[in-house]
């Protein structure tokens, strides 16, 4: 819940966003700016002869990953969007909307190109830059969203079985370079601003809180995630996300922003296995769910039907990944749960709210972006 007088934030909170929203415009422009810069780097590297092959390959792989990462969020937030991989502004400024399957094809191409260019070594041992496992883990997420269950399972297994990561103690998950972290973001100006955006945004006295019903009814008794990752403000009036503990003014640099972690990869594999009806046993979906629950101090699941196991996976994603990179929102959309989950809570809810509007400022510049998403 957003508790703020800012009208733009209120629109997001109520799912009543308009096409002139500054936040929506910033999401669009920031993503396309990063895509453009990634394409510039790719183009320069492909024409470079002044770097060692290993350095050139690593930088090329990183740039292709970033381009794919940004395109993934654009297509999931806005639907059909321009797929841009050119550095020619004359092409980019008039690019029309690309069908979502073709955007995904470009994402997969960049990720499969990036995979052999990167190795597993983190630069200076710091997980703030992607390695091969980050690419493969993200590829597993892409395949999951596409319903490509065999490739989602295969990619997830590649990461889980490589021995580089393990499920951290609940209290240590969001520390920088934790054993669970596959890719994290280093705080900007980390020498002076030693706290994450999440730590500052979700701080107990800030303007964003968890819904009371989520904090009080979503977790099973004894769930360590409830004990460690959900806090109550000093006035006992609001629940807040306590995954990050460092805020402005008190940060020590002990935390990085988590983007991809092993828990998500386990849940990807569990869902992919369940959708292929591989349900129980040591290599079944239930084993992956139980591994997650064991870390949270809970017993193994007893479900043994496909429907029951898929419900258990959805529940685990809800209580494991909340307030992390939109996972819960995207799950509600892809599971077709957005309407039953949100319409009772938000009077202005409409089924077209599952996509954001194309920013009006962009449509004025580029008429090829029309038509606008339905409902706006």
Protein backbone atom coordinates (compact mmCIF):
# COMPACT_ATOMS: atom_id res chain seq x y z
CA UNK A 1 0.00 0.00 0.00
CA UNK A 2 1.31 3.45 -0.84
CA UNK A 3 0.60 6.09 1.80
CA UNK A 4 1.51 9.32 0.04
CA UNK A 5 -0.21 12.43 -1.24
CA UNK A 6 1.63 12.13 -4.56
CA UNK A 7 -1.08 11.68 -7.21
CA UNK A 8 1.18 9.60 -9.45
CA UNK A 9 1.84 7.11 -6.66
CA UNK A 10 -1.85 7.01 -5.81
CA UNK A 11 -2.68 6.02 -9.39
CA UNK A 12 -0.25 3.13 -9.17
CA UNK A 13 -1.63 2.06 -5.81
CA UNK A 14 -5.21 2.10 -7.11
CA UNK A 15 -4.42 0.59 -10.53
CA UNK A 16 -5.86 3.75 -12.02
CA UNK A 17 -2.83 4.85 -14.00
CA UNK A 18 -3.18 7.41 -16.79
CA UNK A 19 -1.01 7.76 -19.89
CA UNK A 20 0.51 11.01 -18.58
CA UNK A 21 1.95 9.32 -15.47
CA UNK A 22 5.53 10.53 -14.89
CA UNK A 23 6.45 7.20 -13.30
CA UNK A 24 5.25 5.23 -16.32
CA UNK A 25 7.11 7.59 -18.65
CA UNK A 26 10.29 7.15 -16.60
CA UNK A 27 10.03 3.35 -16.73
CA UNK A 28 9.67 3.47 -20.51
CA UNK A 29 12.45 5.99 -21.13
CA UNK A 30 14.90 4.44 -18.65
CA UNK A 31 14.52 0.99 -20.20
CA UNK A 32 14.94 2.23 -23.75
CA UNK A 33 17.88 4.40 -22.74
CA UNK A 34 19.66 1.35 -21.31
CA UNK A 35 18.75 -0.70 -24.38
CA UNK A 36 20.22 1.99 -26.63
CA UNK A 37 23.44 2.18 -24.62
CA UNK A 38 23.72 -1.63 -24.59
CA UNK A 39 23.33 -1.63 -28.38
CA UNK A 40 26.01 1.05 -28.68
CA UNK A 41 28.37 -1.09 -26.63
CA UNK A 42 27.57 -4.19 -28.69
CA UNK A 43 28.18 -2.33 -31.95
CA UNK A 44 31.46 -0.86 -30.71
CA UNK A 45 32.71 -4.21 -29.41
CA UNK A 46 31.90 -5.97 -32.65
CA UNK A 47 34.11 -3.47 -34.47
CA UNK A 48 36.86 -3.35 -31.83
CA UNK A 49 40.36 -4.74 -32.26
CA UNK A 50 41.94 -3.15 -29.20
CA UNK A 51 40.69 -5.56 -26.53
CA UNK A 52 41.74 -9.06 -25.61
CA UNK A 53 39.24 -11.65 -26.85
CA UNK A 54 38.26 -12.59 -23.29
CA UNK A 55 37.55 -8.99 -22.27
CA UNK A 56 35.66 -8.32 -25.48
CA UNK A 57 33.52 -11.44 -25.03
CA UNK A 58 32.72 -10.66 -21.40
CA UNK A 59 31.63 -7.10 -22.17
CA UNK A 60 29.61 -8.25 -25.18
CA UNK A 61 27.85 -10.88 -23.09
CA UNK A 62 27.04 -8.37 -20.36
CA UNK A 63 25.62 -5.87 -22.86
CA UNK A 64 23.43 -8.49 -24.55
CA UNK A 65 22.14 -9.59 -21.14
CA UNK A 66 21.22 -6.02 -20.12
CA UNK A 67 19.40 -5.46 -23.41
CA UNK A 68 17.40 -8.66 -22.92
CA UNK A 69 16.66 -7.83 -19.28
CA UNK A 70 15.20 -4.42 -20.14
CA UNK A 71 13.16 -5.79 -23.05
CA UNK A 72 11.69 -8.44 -20.73
CA UNK A 73 10.34 -5.83 -18.34
CA UNK A 74 9.03 -3.64 -21.15
CA UNK A 75 7.06 -6.44 -22.81
CA UNK A 76 5.62 -7.61 -19.50
CA UNK A 77 4.62 -4.14 -18.36
CA UNK A 78 3.37 -2.69 -21.66
CA UNK A 79 2.60 -5.67 -23.92
CA UNK A 80 3.59 -5.21 -27.56
CA UNK A 81 6.49 -2.74 -27.56
CA UNK A 82 9.11 -1.74 -30.11
CA UNK A 83 11.92 -4.26 -30.23
CA UNK A 84 14.93 -2.01 -30.67
CA UNK A 85 18.45 -3.27 -31.32
CA UNK A 86 19.63 -0.47 -33.59
CA UNK A 87 21.77 2.56 -32.75
CA UNK A 88 20.27 4.56 -35.62
CA UNK A 89 18.01 7.20 -34.07
CA UNK A 90 16.18 7.60 -37.39
CA UNK A 91 15.01 4.00 -37.08
CA UNK A 92 14.40 4.00 -33.33
CA UNK A 93 12.29 7.16 -33.18
CA UNK A 94 9.72 5.79 -35.63
CA UNK A 95 9.76 2.13 -34.53
CA UNK A 96 6.30 0.60 -34.28
CA UNK A 97 5.11 -1.91 -31.74
CA UNK A 98 6.44 -5.44 -32.11
CA UNK A 99 4.25 -8.44 -31.34
CA UNK A 100 5.14 -9.83 -27.91
CA UNK A 101 6.23 -13.27 -29.26
CA UNK A 102 8.75 -11.53 -31.52
CA UNK A 103 10.03 -9.43 -28.62
CA UNK A 104 10.54 -12.64 -26.66
CA UNK A 105 12.38 -14.16 -29.62
CA UNK A 106 14.80 -11.23 -29.51
CA UNK A 107 15.22 -11.63 -25.74
CA UNK A 108 16.04 -15.33 -26.10
CA UNK A 109 18.47 -14.62 -28.92
CA UNK A 110 20.39 -12.09 -26.84
CA UNK A 111 20.52 -14.43 -23.85
CA UNK A 112 21.62 -17.46 -25.85
CA UNK A 113 24.27 -15.28 -27.53
CA UNK A 114 25.45 -14.04 -24.12
CA UNK A 115 25.70 -17.45 -22.45
CA UNK A 116 28.88 -18.75 -24.16
CA UNK A 117 30.53 -15.33 -23.94
CA UNK A 118 30.55 -15.33 -20.14
CA UNK A 119 32.17 -17.64 -17.62
CA UNK A 120 31.20 -18.28 -14.02
CA UNK A 121 33.81 -16.01 -12.47
CA UNK A 122 32.50 -12.81 -10.91
CA UNK A 123 34.69 -9.78 -11.57
CA UNK A 124 36.66 -9.10 -8.38
CA UNK A 125 34.44 -11.67 -6.67
CA UNK A 126 31.57 -9.17 -6.69
CA UNK A 127 28.10 -10.29 -7.81
CA UNK A 128 27.24 -6.81 -9.06
CA UNK A 129 28.10 -7.92 -12.60
CA UNK A 130 26.49 -10.85 -14.35
CA UNK A 131 28.15 -14.19 -15.00
CA UNK A 132 27.05 -17.22 -17.02
CA UNK A 133 24.71 -18.44 -14.27
CA UNK A 134 22.89 -15.10 -14.17
CA UNK A 135 22.22 -15.41 -17.90
CA UNK A 136 21.00 -19.00 -17.59
CA UNK A 137 18.84 -18.22 -14.54
CA UNK A 138 17.20 -15.33 -16.34
CA UNK A 139 16.73 -17.49 -19.40
CA UNK A 140 14.91 -19.98 -17.14
CA UNK A 141 12.57 -17.15 -16.08
CA UNK A 142 11.91 -16.19 -19.70
CA UNK A 143 11.11 -19.79 -20.63
CA UNK A 144 8.78 -20.03 -17.61
CA UNK A 145 6.82 -16.99 -18.71
CA UNK A 146 6.54 -18.47 -22.20
CA UNK A 147 5.33 -21.83 -20.88
CA UNK A 148 8.34 -23.62 -22.36
CA UNK A 149 8.53 -26.08 -19.49
CA UNK A 150 11.36 -28.36 -20.71
CA UNK A 151 13.72 -25.45 -21.35
CA UNK A 152 12.72 -23.74 -18.11
CA UNK A 153 13.52 -26.91 -16.17
CA UNK A 154 16.77 -27.53 -18.03
CA UNK A 155 18.05 -23.98 -17.52
CA UNK A 156 17.08 -23.95 -13.84
CA UNK A 157 18.76 -27.32 -13.27
CA UNK A 158 21.96 -26.04 -14.86
CA UNK A 159 22.13 -23.27 -12.24
CA UNK A 160 21.04 -25.37 -9.25
CA UNK A 161 23.45 -28.21 -9.99
CA UNK A 162 26.58 -26.15 -10.67
CA UNK A 163 27.46 -25.98 -6.97
CA UNK A 164 28.09 -22.23 -6.92
CA UNK A 165 25.05 -21.25 -4.86
CA UNK A 166 23.04 -22.45 -1.90
CA UNK A 167 19.97 -21.30 0.01
CA UNK A 168 21.30 -18.86 2.58
CA UNK A 169 20.15 -18.54 6.14
CA UNK A 170 17.02 -16.36 6.09
CA UNK A 171 18.85 -13.51 7.82
CA UNK A 172 21.69 -13.48 5.27
CA UNK A 173 19.83 -13.67 1.96
CA UNK A 174 20.04 -9.98 1.05
CA UNK A 175 23.60 -9.33 2.16
CA UNK A 176 26.01 -8.40 -0.60
CA UNK A 177 27.51 -11.44 -2.31
CA UNK A 178 25.39 -13.82 -0.24
CA UNK A 179 25.63 -17.48 -1.15
CA UNK A 180 22.13 -17.31 -2.61
CA UNK A 181 22.73 -14.26 -4.79
CA UNK A 182 23.15 -14.88 -8.51
CA UNK A 183 22.98 -11.22 -9.58
CA UNK A 184 22.73 -8.13 -7.41
CA UNK A 185 22.92 -4.38 -8.04
CA UNK A 186 25.56 -2.37 -6.22
CA UNK A 187 24.05 0.80 -4.68
CA UNK A 188 24.81 3.92 -6.70
CA UNK A 189 27.74 5.86 -5.28
CA UNK A 190 28.27 2.97 -2.91
CA UNK A 191 31.18 4.72 -1.20
CA UNK A 192 28.85 7.39 0.19
CA UNK A 193 25.30 5.99 -0.16
CA UNK A 194 25.79 2.65 1.52
CA UNK A 195 22.21 1.46 1.35
CA UNK A 196 19.95 -0.07 -1.29
CA UNK A 197 16.99 1.59 -2.94
CA UNK A 198 14.80 -1.13 -1.43
CA UNK A 199 16.15 -0.53 2.06
CA UNK A 200 15.31 3.14 1.79
CA UNK A 201 11.97 2.68 0.00
CA UNK A 202 10.52 0.06 2.36
CA UNK A 203 11.89 1.51 5.58
CA UNK A 204 9.42 1.29 8.46
CA UNK A 205 8.79 5.04 8.58
CA UNK A 206 8.46 5.47 4.85
CA UNK A 207 5.26 5.77 2.86
CA UNK A 208 4.96 2.20 1.57
CA UNK A 209 3.56 -0.64 3.67
CA UNK A 210 2.37 -4.21 3.30
CA UNK A 211 -1.33 -4.98 3.38
CA UNK A 212 -2.35 -6.14 6.82
CA UNK A 213 -4.08 -9.24 5.46
CA UNK A 214 -0.92 -10.27 3.63
CA UNK A 215 1.26 -9.89 6.72
CA UNK A 216 -1.21 -11.59 9.06
CA UNK A 217 -2.75 -14.37 6.96
CA UNK A 218 -0.37 -15.35 4.15
CA UNK A 219 2.29 -17.12 6.21
CA UNK A 220 2.04 -20.44 8.00
CA UNK A 221 2.77 -20.50 11.74
CA UNK A 222 6.51 -20.73 12.33
CA UNK A 223 7.50 -19.45 8.88
CA UNK A 224 10.90 -17.81 9.35
CA UNK A 225 10.20 -15.51 6.41
CA UNK A 226 7.34 -13.94 8.36
CA UNK A 227 9.59 -13.49 11.38
CA UNK A 228 12.56 -12.02 9.50
CA UNK A 229 11.16 -10.31 6.41
CA UNK A 230 8.01 -8.62 7.78
CA UNK A 231 8.27 -5.84 10.32
CA UNK A 232 5.85 -3.68 12.27
CA UNK A 233 6.45 0.05 12.60
CA UNK A 234 7.12 1.61 16.03
CA UNK A 235 3.48 2.66 16.36
CA UNK A 236 2.23 -0.85 15.56
CA UNK A 237 0.14 0.64 12.78
CA UNK A 238 1.80 -0.58 9.58
CA UNK A 239 3.55 -3.68 8.41
CA UNK A 240 6.57 -3.15 6.21
CA UNK A 241 9.03 -5.22 4.17
CA UNK A 242 12.10 -5.90 6.29
CA UNK A 243 14.20 -7.83 3.79
CA UNK A 244 16.72 -4.99 3.80
CA UNK A 245 17.81 -3.38 7.04
CA UNK A 246 20.00 -0.47 5.96
CA UNK A 247 18.64 2.98 5.16
CA UNK A 248 19.97 6.43 4.29
CA UNK A 249 22.24 7.84 6.96
CA UNK A 250 22.92 4.53 8.68
CA UNK A 251 23.98 2.23 5.85
CA UNK A 252 27.26 0.35 6.15
CA UNK A 253 27.33 -1.14 2.65
CA UNK A 254 26.49 -4.62 3.90
CA UNK A 255 23.59 -5.09 1.45
CA UNK A 256 23.17 -5.13 -2.33
CA UNK A 257 19.87 -5.03 -4.21
CA UNK A 258 18.89 -8.60 -5.08
CA UNK A 259 17.78 -9.16 -8.67
CA UNK A 260 18.14 -12.90 -9.28
CA UNK A 261 18.60 -15.48 -6.53
CA UNK A 262 18.61 -19.21 -6.11
CA UNK A 263 15.20 -19.40 -4.43
CA UNK A 264 13.53 -18.12 -7.58
CA UNK A 265 15.38 -20.71 -9.66
CA UNK A 266 14.13 -23.53 -7.41
CA UNK A 267 10.59 -22.26 -7.81
CA UNK A 268 10.98 -21.98 -11.58
CA UNK A 269 12.10 -25.60 -11.75
CA UNK A 270 9.33 -26.73 -9.45
CA UNK A 271 6.68 -25.11 -11.63
CA UNK A 272 8.22 -26.41 -14.85
CA UNK A 273 8.35 -29.94 -13.43
CA UNK A 274 4.79 -29.77 -12.16
CA UNK A 275 3.53 -28.58 -15.53
CA UNK A 276 5.18 -31.63 -17.08
CA UNK A 277 3.45 -33.79 -14.45
CA UNK A 278 6.74 -34.65 -12.75
CA UNK A 279 5.30 -34.24 -9.29
CA UNK A 280 6.91 -36.31 -6.54
CA UNK A 281 10.12 -38.13 -5.74
CA UNK A 282 13.66 -36.74 -5.40
CA UNK A 283 13.55 -35.17 -8.88
CA UNK A 284 9.94 -33.99 -8.74
CA UNK A 285 8.35 -30.62 -8.20
CA UNK A 286 7.49 -31.34 -4.57
CA UNK A 287 11.17 -31.84 -3.70
CA UNK A 288 12.03 -28.34 -4.91
CA UNK A 289 9.13 -26.81 -2.98
CA UNK A 290 10.11 -28.73 0.14
CA UNK A 291 13.70 -27.46 -0.14
CA UNK A 292 12.35 -23.92 -0.03
CA UNK A 293 10.10 -24.69 2.91
CA UNK A 294 12.90 -26.35 4.87
CA UNK A 295 14.94 -23.16 4.69
CA UNK A 296 11.89 -21.30 6.03
CA UNK A 297 11.56 -23.71 8.97
CA UNK A 298 8.51 -25.51 7.57
CA UNK A 299 7.74 -29.16 6.89
CA UNK A 300 7.68 -30.80 3.46
CA UNK A 301 4.54 -30.37 1.39
CA UNK A 302 2.18 -33.33 1.33
CA UNK A 303 0.38 -32.43 -1.90
CA UNK A 304 0.71 -35.06 -4.60
CA UNK A 305 -1.67 -33.95 -7.36
CA UNK A 306 -0.71 -31.52 -10.09
CA UNK A 307 -3.28 -28.92 -9.05
CA UNK A 308 -2.35 -29.06 -5.38
CA UNK A 309 1.37 -28.82 -6.08
CA UNK A 310 0.91 -25.90 -8.48
CA UNK A 311 -1.13 -24.12 -5.78
CA UNK A 312 1.67 -24.77 -3.30
CA UNK A 313 4.22 -23.31 -5.73
CA UNK A 314 2.13 -20.19 -6.24
CA UNK A 315 1.86 -19.77 -2.48
CA UNK A 316 5.61 -20.20 -2.03
CA UNK A 317 6.29 -17.59 -4.71
CA UNK A 318 3.93 -15.21 -2.90
CA UNK A 319 5.64 -15.46 0.49
CA UNK A 320 9.19 -15.89 -0.81
CA UNK A 321 9.45 -13.22 -3.51
CA UNK A 322 7.18 -10.42 -2.27
CA UNK A 323 8.45 -6.90 -2.97
CA UNK A 324 11.14 -8.18 -5.30
CA UNK A 325 11.17 -6.90 -8.89
CA UNK A 326 7.43 -7.25 -9.48
CA UNK A 327 7.31 -11.04 -9.12
CA UNK A 328 3.95 -11.06 -7.38
CA UNK A 329 2.38 -8.72 -9.93
CA UNK A 330 3.65 -10.73 -12.89
CA UNK A 331 2.48 -13.95 -11.23
CA UNK A 332 -1.03 -12.59 -10.75
CA UNK A 333 -1.11 -11.65 -14.43
CA UNK A 334 0.27 -14.87 -15.86
CA UNK A 335 -1.82 -17.05 -13.53
CA UNK A 336 -4.91 -14.98 -14.48
CA UNK A 337 -5.37 -14.13 -10.78
CA UNK A 338 -5.21 -10.35 -11.04
CA UNK A 339 -8.96 -9.78 -11.18
CA UNK A 340 -10.00 -12.02 -8.26
CA UNK A 341 -7.06 -10.86 -6.15
CA UNK A 342 -7.26 -7.12 -6.78
CA UNK A 343 -10.79 -6.13 -7.75
CA UNK A 344 -12.14 -6.58 -4.16
CA UNK A 345 -9.35 -4.32 -2.88
CA UNK A 346 -9.35 -1.65 -5.57
CA UNK A 347 -12.70 -0.11 -6.60
CA UNK A 348 -11.23 1.30 -9.79
CA UNK A 349 -9.84 -2.03 -10.96
CA UNK A 350 -10.38 -2.92 -14.61
CA UNK A 351 -9.12 -6.01 -16.42
CA UNK A 352 -7.16 -3.81 -18.82
CA UNK A 353 -5.03 -2.67 -15.87
CA UNK A 354 -2.79 -5.71 -16.33
CA UNK A 355 -0.83 -3.55 -18.80
CA UNK A 356 0.47 -0.04 -18.30
CA UNK A 357 -0.41 2.64 -20.86
CA UNK A 358 2.06 3.64 -23.53
CA UNK A 359 3.24 7.06 -22.31
CA UNK A 360 1.35 9.85 -24.05
CA UNK A 361 4.59 11.80 -24.49
CA UNK A 362 6.03 8.91 -26.52
CA UNK A 363 2.93 8.56 -28.68
CA UNK A 364 3.07 12.26 -29.53
CA UNK A 365 6.64 11.86 -30.73
CA UNK A 366 6.09 8.56 -32.53
CA UNK A 367 2.61 7.97 -34.04
CA UNK A 368 3.71 4.44 -35.01
CA UNK A 369 3.19 3.42 -31.35
CA UNK A 370 -0.57 3.58 -31.85
CA UNK A 371 -2.98 2.11 -30.99
CA UNK A 372 -2.85 2.77 -27.28
CA UNK A 373 -3.30 -0.19 -24.93
CA UNK A 374 -7.00 -0.90 -24.27
CA UNK A 375 -8.55 0.98 -21.38
CA UNK A 376 -6.44 4.13 -21.61
